C-alpha atoms as a PDB file:
ATOM      1  CA  MET A   1       0.081   0.156   0.150  1.00  0.00           C
ATOM      2  CA  LYS A   2       1.706   3.090  -1.001  1.00  0.00           C
ATOM      3  CA  ILE A   3       1.708   6.463   1.092  1.00  0.00           C
ATOM      4  CA  ALA A   4       2.909   9.895  -0.235  1.00  0.00           C
ATOM      5  CA  MET A   5       4.774  11.760   2.852  1.00  0.00           C
ATOM      6  CA  ILE A   6       4.963  15.583   2.263  1.00  0.00           C
ATOM      7  CA  GLY A   7       7.651  16.784   4.426  1.00  0.00           C
ATOM      8  CA  ALA A   8      11.244  15.243   5.335  1.00  0.00           C
ATOM      9  CA  GLY A   9      11.339  16.667   8.887  1.00  0.00           C
ATOM     10  CA  MET A  10      11.571  14.918  12.237  1.00  0.00           C
ATOM     11  CA  ALA A  11       7.577  14.474  11.890  1.00  0.00           C
ATOM     12  CA  GLY A  12       7.156  13.296   8.610  1.00  0.00           C
ATOM     13  CA  LEU A  13      10.448  11.035   8.805  1.00  0.00           C
ATOM     14  CA  ALA A  14       9.330   9.504  12.102  1.00  0.00           C
ATOM     15  CA  ALA A  15       6.210   8.739  10.326  1.00  0.00           C
ATOM     16  CA  ALA A  16       7.401   7.238   7.068  1.00  0.00           C
ATOM     17  CA  ASN A  17       9.779   5.075   9.661  1.00  0.00           C
ATOM     18  CA  ARG A  18       7.144   3.851  11.442  1.00  0.00           C
ATOM     19  CA  LEU A  19       4.922   2.572   8.444  1.00  0.00           C
ATOM     20  CA  ARG A  20       7.573   1.372   6.832  1.00  0.00           C
ATOM     21  CA  GLU A  21       8.486  -0.812   9.922  1.00  0.00           C
ATOM     22  CA  ARG A  22       4.940  -1.835   9.549  1.00  0.00           C
ATOM     23  CA  GLY A  23       5.045  -2.980   5.882  1.00  0.00           C
ATOM     24  CA  PHE A  24       3.636   0.232   4.137  1.00  0.00           C
ATOM     25  CA  ASP A  25       5.384   1.662   1.116  1.00  0.00           C
ATOM     26  CA  CYS A  26       6.195   5.089   1.540  1.00  0.00           C
ATOM     27  CA  THR A  27       7.791   7.558  -0.768  1.00  0.00           C
ATOM     28  CA  VAL A  28       8.505  11.356   1.109  1.00  0.00           C
ATOM     29  CA  PHE A  29       8.627  14.447  -1.159  1.00  0.00           C
ATOM     30  CA  GLU A  30      10.848  17.215   0.300  1.00  0.00           C
ATOM     31  CA  LYS A  31      11.259  20.249  -1.201  1.00  0.00           C
ATOM     32  CA  SER A  32      14.733  21.392   0.110  1.00  0.00           C
ATOM     33  CA  ARG A  33      18.019  19.732  -1.006  1.00  0.00           C
ATOM     34  CA  GLY A  34      18.496  18.428   3.028  1.00  0.00           C
ATOM     35  CA  LEU A  35      16.643  16.395   5.200  1.00  0.00           C
ATOM     36  CA  GLY A  36      15.475  17.234   9.203  1.00  0.00           C
ATOM     37  CA  GLY A  37      13.387  20.364   8.469  1.00  0.00           C
ATOM     38  CA  ARG A  38      14.958  22.986  11.182  1.00  0.00           C
ATOM     39  CA  MET A  39      16.988  20.401  12.731  1.00  0.00           C
ATOM     40  CA  ALA A  40      19.534  21.546  10.075  1.00  0.00           C
ATOM     41  CA  THR A  41      23.542  21.885   9.381  1.00  0.00           C
ATOM     42  CA  ARG A  42      24.881  24.776   7.147  1.00  0.00           C
ATOM     43  CA  ARG A  43      28.205  23.812   5.579  1.00  0.00           C
ATOM     44  CA  VAL A  44      30.032  26.384   3.474  1.00  0.00           C
ATOM     45  CA  ASP A  45      33.469  25.060   2.862  1.00  0.00           C
ATOM     46  CA  ALA A  46      35.332  23.966   5.981  1.00  0.00           C
ATOM     47  CA  LEU A  47      32.947  25.603   8.162  1.00  0.00           C
ATOM     48  CA  GLN A  48      29.430  24.467   9.622  1.00  0.00           C
ATOM     49  CA  PHE A  49      27.010  25.751  11.387  1.00  0.00           C
ATOM     50  CA  ASP A  50      23.670  24.561  13.347  1.00  0.00           C
ATOM     51  CA  HIS A  51      21.652  27.191  12.234  1.00  0.00           C
ATOM     52  CA  GLY A  52      18.040  25.598  13.079  1.00  0.00           C
ATOM     53  CA  ALA A  53      17.306  23.611  16.178  1.00  0.00           C
ATOM     54  CA  GLN A  54      20.297  23.973  18.615  1.00  0.00           C
ATOM     55  CA  TYR A  55      19.772  20.901  20.492  1.00  0.00           C
ATOM     56  CA  PHE A  56      16.865  18.757  21.506  1.00  0.00           C
ATOM     57  CA  THR A  57      15.852  17.057  24.641  1.00  0.00           C
ATOM     58  CA  ALA A  58      14.070  13.690  25.102  1.00  0.00           C
ATOM     59  CA  ARG A  59      11.337  13.574  28.209  1.00  0.00           C
ATOM     60  CA  GLY A  60       9.105  10.773  26.557  1.00  0.00           C
ATOM     61  CA  ALA A  61       9.580   7.153  27.010  1.00  0.00           C
ATOM     62  CA  ARG A  62       9.265   6.536  23.111  1.00  0.00           C
ATOM     63  CA  PHE A  63      11.468   9.317  22.351  1.00  0.00           C
ATOM     64  CA  ARG A  64      14.324   8.501  24.719  1.00  0.00           C
ATOM     65  CA  SER A  65      14.099   4.759  23.315  1.00  0.00           C
ATOM     66  CA  ARG A  66      14.782   6.406  19.817  1.00  0.00           C
ATOM     67  CA  LEU A  67      17.580   8.602  21.144  1.00  0.00           C
ATOM     68  CA  MET A  68      19.420   5.565  22.636  1.00  0.00           C
ATOM     69  CA  GLN A  69      19.194   4.279  19.461  1.00  0.00           C
ATOM     70  CA  TRP A  70      20.408   7.216  17.709  1.00  0.00           C
ATOM     71  CA  GLN A  71      23.554   7.369  20.542  1.00  0.00           C
ATOM     72  CA  THR A  72      24.308   3.943  20.233  1.00  0.00           C
ATOM     73  CA  ARG A  73      24.591   4.237  16.123  1.00  0.00           C
ATOM     74  CA  GLY A  74      26.908   7.504  16.944  1.00  0.00           C
ATOM     75  CA  VAL A  75      24.276   9.946  15.350  1.00  0.00           C
ATOM     76  CA  ALA A  76      23.661  11.617  18.359  1.00  0.00           C
ATOM     77  CA  ALA A  77      25.454  13.226  21.148  1.00  0.00           C
ATOM     78  CA  GLU A  78      25.094  14.713  24.329  1.00  0.00           C
ATOM     79  CA  TRP A  79      26.297  18.455  24.194  1.00  0.00           C
ATOM     80  CA  LEU A  80      25.358  20.220  27.816  1.00  0.00           C
ATOM     81  CA  PRO A  81      23.375  17.979  30.341  1.00  0.00           C
ATOM     82  CA  GLY A  82      20.019  16.731  29.301  1.00  0.00           C
ATOM     83  CA  LYS A  83      20.812  18.527  25.631  1.00  0.00           C
ATOM     84  CA  TRP A  84      21.806  16.452  22.516  1.00  0.00           C
ATOM     85  CA  VAL A  85      22.653  17.068  19.182  1.00  0.00           C
ATOM     86  CA  GLY A  86      22.799  15.097  16.274  1.00  0.00           C
ATOM     87  CA  MET A  87      26.502  13.770  15.276  1.00  0.00           C
ATOM     88  CA  PRO A  88      28.293  15.101  13.248  1.00  0.00           C
ATOM     89  CA  GLY A  89      25.740  17.385  12.257  1.00  0.00           C
ATOM     90  CA  MET A  90      22.007  18.049  13.246  1.00  0.00           C
ATOM     91  CA  THR A  91      20.467  16.515  10.304  1.00  0.00           C
ATOM     92  CA  ALA A  92      22.149  12.655  11.318  1.00  0.00           C
ATOM     93  CA  PRO A  93      19.066  11.701  13.370  1.00  0.00           C
ATOM     94  CA  ALA A  94      16.692  12.908  10.459  1.00  0.00           C
ATOM     95  CA  ARG A  95      18.890  10.580   7.868  1.00  0.00           C
ATOM     96  CA  SER A  96      18.891   7.915  10.170  1.00  0.00           C
ATOM     97  CA  LEU A  97      14.950   7.794  10.276  1.00  0.00           C
ATOM     98  CA  GLY A  98      15.159   8.148   6.508  1.00  0.00           C
ATOM     99  CA  GLU A  99      17.270   5.167   5.796  1.00  0.00           C
ATOM    100  CA  GLY A 100      15.582   2.428   3.167  1.00  0.00           C
ATOM    101  CA  ILE A 101      12.866   4.797   2.584  1.00  0.00           C
ATOM    102  CA  GLU A 102      11.992   6.452  -0.800  1.00  0.00           C
ATOM    103  CA  ILE A 103      12.960  10.446  -0.465  1.00  0.00           C
ATOM    104  CA  ILE A 104      12.715  12.802  -3.784  1.00  0.00           C
ATOM    105  CA  GLN A 105      14.494  15.931  -2.693  1.00  0.00           C
ATOM    106  CA  GLY A 106      14.085  19.095  -4.515  1.00  0.00           C
ATOM    107  CA  ALA A 107      10.202  18.576  -5.000  1.00  0.00           C
ATOM    108  CA  ARG A 108       7.779  21.209  -3.932  1.00  0.00           C
ATOM    109  CA  VAL A 109       4.536  19.746  -3.877  1.00  0.00           C
ATOM    110  CA  THR A 110       1.849  22.195  -5.025  1.00  0.00           C
ATOM    111  CA  GLY A 111      -1.177  20.538  -5.003  1.00  0.00           C
ATOM    112  CA  LEU A 112      -3.421  17.144  -4.367  1.00  0.00           C
ATOM    113  CA  ASP A 113      -5.609  15.496  -7.018  1.00  0.00           C
ATOM    114  CA  GLY A 114      -7.421  12.236  -7.059  1.00  0.00           C
ATOM    115  CA  GLY A 115      -9.123  10.842  -3.966  1.00  0.00           C
ATOM    116  CA  PRO A 116      -8.418   7.416  -1.641  1.00  0.00           C
ATOM    117  CA  GLY A 117      -6.608   4.871  -3.450  1.00  0.00           C
ATOM    118  CA  HIS A 118      -5.710   7.104  -6.350  1.00  0.00           C
ATOM    119  CA  TRP A 119      -4.306  10.299  -5.066  1.00  0.00           C
ATOM    120  CA  ARG A 120      -1.609  12.093  -7.034  1.00  0.00           C
ATOM    121  CA  LEU A 121       0.939  14.828  -6.280  1.00  0.00           C
ATOM    122  CA  ILE A 122       0.956  17.748  -8.197  1.00  0.00           C
ATOM    123  CA  SER A 123       4.867  19.097  -8.027  1.00  0.00           C
ATOM    124  CA  ASP A 124       6.273  21.836 -10.688  1.00  0.00           C
ATOM    125  CA  THR A 125       9.991  20.659  -9.407  1.00  0.00           C
ATOM    126  CA  ALA A 126      10.183  17.250  -8.739  1.00  0.00           C
ATOM    127  CA  PRO A 127      12.209  15.169 -10.675  1.00  0.00           C
ATOM    128  CA  ASN A 128      10.373  14.077 -14.692  1.00  0.00           C
ATOM    129  CA  GLY A 129       7.275  15.402 -12.302  1.00  0.00           C
ATOM    130  CA  ALA A 130       5.523  13.943  -9.582  1.00  0.00           C
ATOM    131  CA  HIS A 131       3.120  12.021 -11.734  1.00  0.00           C
ATOM    132  CA  GLU A 132       6.281   9.901 -12.487  1.00  0.00           C
ATOM    133  CA  TYR A 133       5.676   8.430  -8.795  1.00  0.00           C
ATOM    134  CA  GLY A 134       2.357   6.740  -9.481  1.00  0.00           C
ATOM    135  CA  LEU A 135      -1.087   6.819  -7.515  1.00  0.00           C
ATOM    136  CA  PHE A 136      -0.894   6.431  -3.693  1.00  0.00           C
ATOM    137  CA  GLU A 137      -3.595   4.961  -1.318  1.00  0.00           C
ATOM    138  CA  ALA A 138      -3.247   7.953   1.353  1.00  0.00           C
ATOM    139  CA  VAL A 139      -1.279  11.208   1.801  1.00  0.00           C
ATOM    140  CA  ILE A 140       0.266  12.910   4.348  1.00  0.00           C
ATOM    141  CA  MET A 141       1.270  16.218   4.865  1.00  0.00           C
ATOM    142  CA  ALA A 142       4.263  16.743   7.522  1.00  0.00           C
ATOM    143  CA  ILE A 143       4.964  20.689   6.969  1.00  0.00           C
ATOM    144  CA  PRO A 144       4.205  23.827   8.785  1.00  0.00           C
ATOM    145  CA  ALA A 145       0.068  24.471   9.428  1.00  0.00           C
ATOM    146  CA  PRO A 146       0.365  27.588   6.857  1.00  0.00           C
ATOM    147  CA  GLN A 147       1.574  25.313   4.028  1.00  0.00           C
ATOM    148  CA  ILE A 148      -0.511  22.501   4.938  1.00  0.00           C
ATOM    149  CA  VAL A 149      -4.082  25.181   4.640  1.00  0.00           C
ATOM    150  CA  PRO A 150      -3.480  25.809   1.129  1.00  0.00           C
ATOM    151  CA  LEU A 151      -2.479  22.152   0.258  1.00  0.00           C
ATOM    152  CA  ALA A 152      -5.337  20.399   1.541  1.00  0.00           C
ATOM    153  CA  ALA A 153      -7.592  22.975   0.182  1.00  0.00           C
ATOM    154  CA  SER A 154      -6.188  21.971  -3.344  1.00  0.00           C
ATOM    155  CA  ALA A 155      -8.270  18.887  -2.710  1.00  0.00           C
ATOM    156  CA  GLY A 156     -11.420  20.105  -1.261  1.00  0.00           C
ATOM    157  CA  ILE A 157      -9.848  19.480   2.460  1.00  0.00           C
ATOM    158  CA  ARG A 158     -10.342  21.566   5.611  1.00  0.00           C
ATOM    159  CA  PHE A 159      -8.721  20.887   8.759  1.00  0.00           C
ATOM    160  CA  PRO A 160     -10.357  24.018  10.882  1.00  0.00           C
ATOM    161  CA  GLU A 161      -7.989  23.040  14.087  1.00  0.00           C
ATOM    162  CA  LEU A 162      -4.835  24.494  11.955  1.00  0.00           C
ATOM    163  CA  GLU A 163      -6.319  27.755  11.698  1.00  0.00           C
ATOM    164  CA  SER A 164      -5.451  28.793  15.137  1.00  0.00           C
ATOM    165  CA  VAL A 165      -1.978  27.871  14.772  1.00  0.00           C
ATOM    166  CA  ARG A 166       0.729  30.626  15.232  1.00  0.00           C
ATOM    167  CA  TYR A 167       4.195  30.852  14.460  1.00  0.00           C
ATOM    168  CA  ALA A 168       6.984  33.149  15.270  1.00  0.00           C
ATOM    169  CA  PRO A 169      10.064  33.547  12.730  1.00  0.00           C
ATOM    170  CA  CYS A 170      13.661  33.482  13.381  1.00  0.00           C
ATOM    171  CA  LEU A 171      16.569  35.559  11.865  1.00  0.00           C
ATOM    172  CA  THR A 172      19.831  33.473  12.615  1.00  0.00           C
ATOM    173  CA  LEU A 173      23.260  35.197  12.109  1.00  0.00           C
ATOM    174  CA  MET A 174      26.591  32.735  11.325  1.00  0.00           C
ATOM    175  CA  LEU A 175      29.329  33.791  11.910  1.00  0.00           C
ATOM    176  CA  ALA A 176      33.016  32.577  11.784  1.00  0.00           C
ATOM    177  CA  PHE A 177      36.183  34.370  13.454  1.00  0.00           C
ATOM    178  CA  ASP A 178      40.025  33.474  12.641  1.00  0.00           C
ATOM    179  CA  ALA A 179      40.562  35.249  16.284  1.00  0.00           C
ATOM    180  CA  VAL A 180      39.302  34.236  19.419  1.00  0.00           C
ATOM    181  CA  THR A 181      36.471  36.175  20.953  1.00  0.00           C
ATOM    182  CA  ASP A 182      35.216  37.358  24.317  1.00  0.00           C
ATOM    183  CA  LEU A 183      32.570  34.694  24.089  1.00  0.00           C
ATOM    184  CA  HIS A 184      33.975  31.894  26.214  1.00  0.00           C
ATOM    185  CA  GLU A 185      30.666  29.980  27.655  1.00  0.00           C
ATOM    186  CA  TRP A 186      29.447  27.290  25.166  1.00  0.00           C
ATOM    187  CA  SER A 187      26.024  28.902  24.664  1.00  0.00           C
ATOM    188  CA  LEU A 188      24.082  32.238  26.206  1.00  0.00           C
ATOM    189  CA  SER A 189      20.878  33.888  26.640  1.00  0.00           C
ATOM    190  CA  PRO A 190      21.479  37.743  27.143  1.00  0.00           C
ATOM    191  CA  ALA A 191      19.021  39.146  29.096  1.00  0.00           C
ATOM    192  CA  GLU A 192      17.827  42.117  26.747  1.00  0.00           C
ATOM    193  CA  GLY A 193      18.186  43.091  23.146  1.00  0.00           C
ATOM    194  CA  PRO A 194      17.660  41.555  19.395  1.00  0.00           C
ATOM    195  CA  ILE A 195      19.665  38.241  20.544  1.00  0.00           C
ATOM    196  CA  ALA A 196      17.680  35.431  22.403  1.00  0.00           C
ATOM    197  CA  TRP A 197      20.419  32.706  22.127  1.00  0.00           C
ATOM    198  CA  MET A 198      24.009  32.262  20.982  1.00  0.00           C
ATOM    199  CA  ALA A 199      26.098  29.531  20.913  1.00  0.00           C
ATOM    200  CA  ARG A 200      29.863  28.093  19.770  1.00  0.00           C
ATOM    201  CA  ASN A 201      29.116  25.645  17.161  1.00  0.00           C
ATOM    202  CA  ARG A 202      32.621  24.024  17.641  1.00  0.00           C
ATOM    203  CA  THR A 203      31.796  23.388  21.198  1.00  0.00           C
ATOM    204  CA  LYS A 204      29.317  20.474  20.117  1.00  0.00           C
ATOM    205  CA  PRO A 205      30.403  16.688  19.911  1.00  0.00           C
ATOM    206  CA  GLY A 206      31.608  15.945  16.296  1.00  0.00           C
ATOM    207  CA  ARG A 207      32.084  19.908  15.092  1.00  0.00           C
ATOM    208  CA  GLU A 208      35.642  20.558  13.899  1.00  0.00           C
ATOM    209  CA  GLY A 209      37.023  22.909  11.582  1.00  0.00           C
ATOM    210  CA  PRO A 210      39.451  25.592  11.520  1.00  0.00           C
ATOM    211  CA  LEU A 211      37.480  28.507  12.659  1.00  0.00           C
ATOM    212  CA  GLU A 212      35.742  29.758  15.648  1.00  0.00           C
ATOM    213  CA  THR A 213      32.242  29.847  14.791  1.00  0.00           C
ATOM    214  CA  LEU A 214      29.144  31.172  16.421  1.00  0.00           C
ATOM    215  CA  VAL A 215      25.376  31.184  15.353  1.00  0.00           C
ATOM    216  CA  ALA A 216      23.114  33.402  16.919  1.00  0.00           C
ATOM    217  CA  HIS A 217      18.975  33.573  16.934  1.00  0.00           C
ATOM    218  CA  ALA A 218      17.112  37.168  17.215  1.00  0.00           C
ATOM    219  CA  THR A 219      14.133  37.155  19.546  1.00  0.00           C
ATOM    220  CA  PRO A 220      10.365  36.340  18.156  1.00  0.00           C
ATOM    221  CA  ALA A 221       9.749  39.832  18.108  1.00  0.00           C
ATOM    222  CA  TRP A 222      12.630  41.294  16.967  1.00  0.00           C
ATOM    223  CA  SER A 223      12.790  38.487  13.803  1.00  0.00           C
ATOM    224  CA  ARG A 224       8.751  39.374  13.233  1.00  0.00           C
ATOM    225  CA  GLN A 225       9.779  43.181  13.298  1.00  0.00           C
ATOM    226  CA  HIS A 226      12.771  42.484  10.897  1.00  0.00           C
ATOM    227  CA  VAL A 227      11.559  39.670   8.708  1.00  0.00           C
ATOM    228  CA  ASP A 228      11.550  41.446   5.721  1.00  0.00           C
ATOM    229  CA  THR A 229      14.505  44.091   6.586  1.00  0.00           C
ATOM    230  CA  PRO A 230      17.324  43.860   3.549  1.00  0.00           C
ATOM    231  CA  THR A 231      19.674  40.931   4.539  1.00  0.00           C
ATOM    232  CA  GLU A 232      22.597  43.328   5.297  1.00  0.00           C
ATOM    233  CA  SER A 233      21.082  45.582   7.410  1.00  0.00           C
ATOM    234  CA  ALA A 234      19.379  42.740   9.507  1.00  0.00           C
ATOM    235  CA  ALA A 235      23.308  41.196   9.829  1.00  0.00           C
ATOM    236  CA  GLU A 236      24.786  44.540  10.473  1.00  0.00           C
ATOM    237  CA  THR A 237      22.141  45.123  13.488  1.00  0.00           C
ATOM    238  CA  LEU A 238      22.365  41.197  14.983  1.00  0.00           C
ATOM    239  CA  LEU A 239      26.537  41.541  14.458  1.00  0.00           C
ATOM    240  CA  HIS A 240      26.405  45.172  16.368  1.00  0.00           C
ATOM    241  CA  ALA A 241      24.217  43.658  19.426  1.00  0.00           C
ATOM    242  CA  LEU A 242      26.647  40.794  19.621  1.00  0.00           C
ATOM    243  CA  ARG A 243      29.966  43.368  20.094  1.00  0.00           C
ATOM    244  CA  PRO A 244      29.721  43.147  23.846  1.00  0.00           C
ATOM    245  CA  HIS A 245      30.161  39.302  23.739  1.00  0.00           C
ATOM    246  CA  LEU A 246      33.244  39.541  20.553  1.00  0.00           C
ATOM    247  CA  GLY A 247      35.511  41.807  21.888  1.00  0.00           C
ATOM    248  CA  ALA A 248      37.921  42.893  19.135  1.00  0.00           C
ATOM    249  CA  ALA A 249      37.208  39.804  17.090  1.00  0.00           C
ATOM    250  CA  GLU A 250      36.255  40.535  13.431  1.00  0.00           C
ATOM    251  CA  PRO A 251      34.211  37.934  11.497  1.00  0.00           C
ATOM    252  CA  VAL A 252      35.801  36.543   8.443  1.00  0.00           C
ATOM    253  CA  PHE A 253      32.689  34.862   7.349  1.00  0.00           C
ATOM    254  CA  ARG A 254      29.042  35.973   8.033  1.00  0.00           C
ATOM    255  CA  MET A 255      25.431  34.745   6.520  1.00  0.00           C
ATOM    256  CA  LEU A 256      21.985  35.418   7.536  1.00  0.00           C
ATOM    257  CA  HIS A 257      19.122  33.121   7.642  1.00  0.00           C
ATOM    258  CA  ARG A 258      15.166  33.493   7.597  1.00  0.00           C
ATOM    259  CA  TRP A 259      13.053  30.724   9.398  1.00  0.00           C
ATOM    260  CA  LEU A 260       9.653  32.063   8.422  1.00  0.00           C
ATOM    261  CA  TYR A 261       7.713  29.102  10.625  1.00  0.00           C
ATOM    262  CA  ALA A 262      11.026  28.817  13.235  1.00  0.00           C
ATOM    263  CA  ARG A 263       8.792  28.659  16.833  1.00  0.00           C
ATOM    264  CA  VAL A 264       5.482  27.419  17.458  1.00  0.00           C
ATOM    265  CA  GLU A 265       3.623  29.923  19.433  1.00  0.00           C
ATOM    266  CA  GLN A 266      -0.134  28.619  19.216  1.00  0.00           C
ATOM    267  CA  THR A 267      -0.605  24.705  18.880  1.00  0.00           C
ATOM    268  CA  ALA A 268      -3.615  23.118  17.358  1.00  0.00           C
ATOM    269  CA  GLY A 269      -4.258  21.290  20.461  1.00  0.00           C
ATOM    270  CA  VAL A 270      -4.809  17.827  18.517  1.00  0.00           C
ATOM    271  CA  PRO A 271      -1.740  15.315  18.176  1.00  0.00           C
ATOM    272  CA  TYR A 272      -2.631  14.764  14.599  1.00  0.00           C
ATOM    273  CA  LEU A 273      -5.286  15.288  12.074  1.00  0.00           C
ATOM    274  CA  TRP A 274      -6.480  12.376  10.129  1.00  0.00           C
ATOM    275  CA  ASP A 275      -9.313  12.171   7.526  1.00  0.00           C
ATOM    276  CA  PRO A 276     -10.043   8.378   7.433  1.00  0.00           C
ATOM    277  CA  ILE A 277     -13.035   9.197   4.547  1.00  0.00           C
ATOM    278  CA  ARG A 278     -10.451  10.826   2.425  1.00  0.00           C
ATOM    279  CA  GLN A 279      -7.257   9.269   3.947  1.00  0.00           C
ATOM    280  CA  VAL A 280      -5.408  12.201   4.331  1.00  0.00           C
ATOM    281  CA  GLY A 281      -3.436  13.587   7.046  1.00  0.00           C
ATOM    282  CA  ALA A 282      -1.160  15.866   8.637  1.00  0.00           C
ATOM    283  CA  CYS A 283       1.221  16.223  11.599  1.00  0.00           C
ATOM    284  CA  GLY A 284       3.949  18.480  12.744  1.00  0.00           C
ATOM    285  CA  ASP A 285       5.203  20.166  15.890  1.00  0.00           C
ATOM    286  CA  TRP A 286       2.481  22.578  15.459  1.00  0.00           C
ATOM    287  CA  ALA A 287       0.517  19.614  17.185  1.00  0.00           C
ATOM    288  CA  GLY A 288       2.399  19.826  20.588  1.00  0.00           C
ATOM    289  CA  GLY A 289       4.985  22.789  20.744  1.00  0.00           C
ATOM    290  CA  PRO A 290       7.824  24.032  19.839  1.00  0.00           C
ATOM    291  CA  ARG A 291       9.985  20.765  20.133  1.00  0.00           C
ATOM    292  CA  VAL A 292      11.842  18.231  18.045  1.00  0.00           C
ATOM    293  CA  GLU A 293      10.112  15.594  20.424  1.00  0.00           C
ATOM    294  CA  ALA A 294       7.089  16.971  20.143  1.00  0.00           C
ATOM    295  CA  ALA A 295       7.151  16.678  16.184  1.00  0.00           C
ATOM    296  CA  PHE A 296       8.376  13.128  16.127  1.00  0.00           C
ATOM    297  CA  ASP A 297       5.516  11.956  18.865  1.00  0.00           C
ATOM    298  CA  SER A 298       3.234  13.981  16.291  1.00  0.00           C
ATOM    299  CA  GLY A 299       4.431  11.945  13.356  1.00  0.00           C
ATOM    300  CA  GLU A 300       4.424   8.414  15.633  1.00  0.00           C
ATOM    301  CA  ALA A 301       1.218   9.067  16.752  1.00  0.00           C
ATOM    302  CA  LEU A 302      -0.354   9.557  12.910  1.00  0.00           C
ATOM    303  CA  ALA A 303       1.572   6.892  11.734  1.00  0.00           C
ATOM    304  CA  MET A 304      -0.225   4.464  14.097  1.00  0.00           C
ATOM    305  CA  ALA A 305      -3.461   5.908  13.343  1.00  0.00           C
ATOM    306  CA  VAL A 306      -2.909   5.135   9.398  1.00  0.00           C
ATOM    307  CA  ILE A 307      -2.043   1.900  10.151  1.00  0.00           C
ATOM    308  CA  GLU A 308      -5.004   1.163  11.942  1.00  0.00           C
ATOM    309  CA  SER A 309      -7.282   3.107   9.635  1.00  0.00           C
ATOM    310  CA  LEU A 310      -5.323   1.533   6.387  1.00  0.00           C
ATOM    311  CA  GLY A 311      -5.246  -1.971   8.047  1.00  0.00           C
ATOM    312  CA  ARG A 312      -9.141  -1.831   8.368  1.00  0.00           C
ATOM    313  CA  THR A 313      -9.585  -0.976   4.812  1.00  0.00           C
ATOM    314  CA  ARG A 314      -7.337  -3.592   4.151  1.00  0.00           C
ATOM    315  CA  GLN A 315      -9.105  -6.302   5.565  1.00  0.00           C
ATOM    316  CA  GLY A 316     -12.890  -4.921   4.394  1.00  0.00           C
ATOM    317  CA  SER A 317     -11.623  -5.300   0.857  1.00  0.00           C
ATOM    318  CA  SER A 318     -10.541  -8.440   1.214  1.00  0.00           C
ATOM    319  CA  GLU A 319     -13.690  -9.443   2.602  1.00  0.00           C
ATOM    320  CA  PRO A 320     -16.285 -11.438   0.231  1.00  0.00           C
ATOM    321  CA  GLY A 321     -19.582  -9.423  -0.694  1.00  0.00           C
ATOM    322  CA  GLY A 322     -22.906 -10.401   0.973  1.00  0.00           C
END
């Protein structure tokens, strides 16, 4: 039974991994070139920056079990007490979940066509066109809520729970230095100003490189106010705010990244969404809050609901008519 998964972040890959374990044929479509969503690592030549999620925690038994598997495989390690990172980059756990699954990268899905048992994806960027991947029994959307709404609407589907979801953007500044800065802490959250968090990337396990690297996240309020500010102007303002922590050191490299859907501020209030009649569902951190574990839990919970729902469909279709 073929299932289309839209989005290769933590929620989508957790769902796809669980579905694969139960014998479902899952194809993942991801618009970017990487896996993991905001569990992201930007590499520029010899430089490496975890420019999305800085770390993740594990509270529930299911996610702790998965984390121990990642640790055993060497794709996750503890950075600070209770704070874990991917090894050698933040994308490593996502890549581990994606092993054995067909993942089509660079495929931006813009619409759904068809219906249960014969869903077809519309994409203007998928290699050879999304129609080349055939028909799907069901579709799962594991992307930010504002992107799910129009995609579901293209098939006449509405998930009213998503209308209350709210995100905060985040502007992230990446810096590299060939001299020592005055920032000696591994991470720091300033009490005031536009910077919410800064971290020395090289202090994380498995991060090596010739230069000192720094990642700084702007506060939600500042990011929302400056999300459309020209890149150089925004970067210069954030760099100025960092000066008290840098001393005389001047960056030899800098780059700004804009996360439009960085932090969930208002959740949907449900663990996942599943329409058993249309056989279309959705999952993501918008279900449980701005944590990697919340995205994982949402994906796994939806996968189990899909397995149960489509399992009944299989049984029903195999029963003789009366």
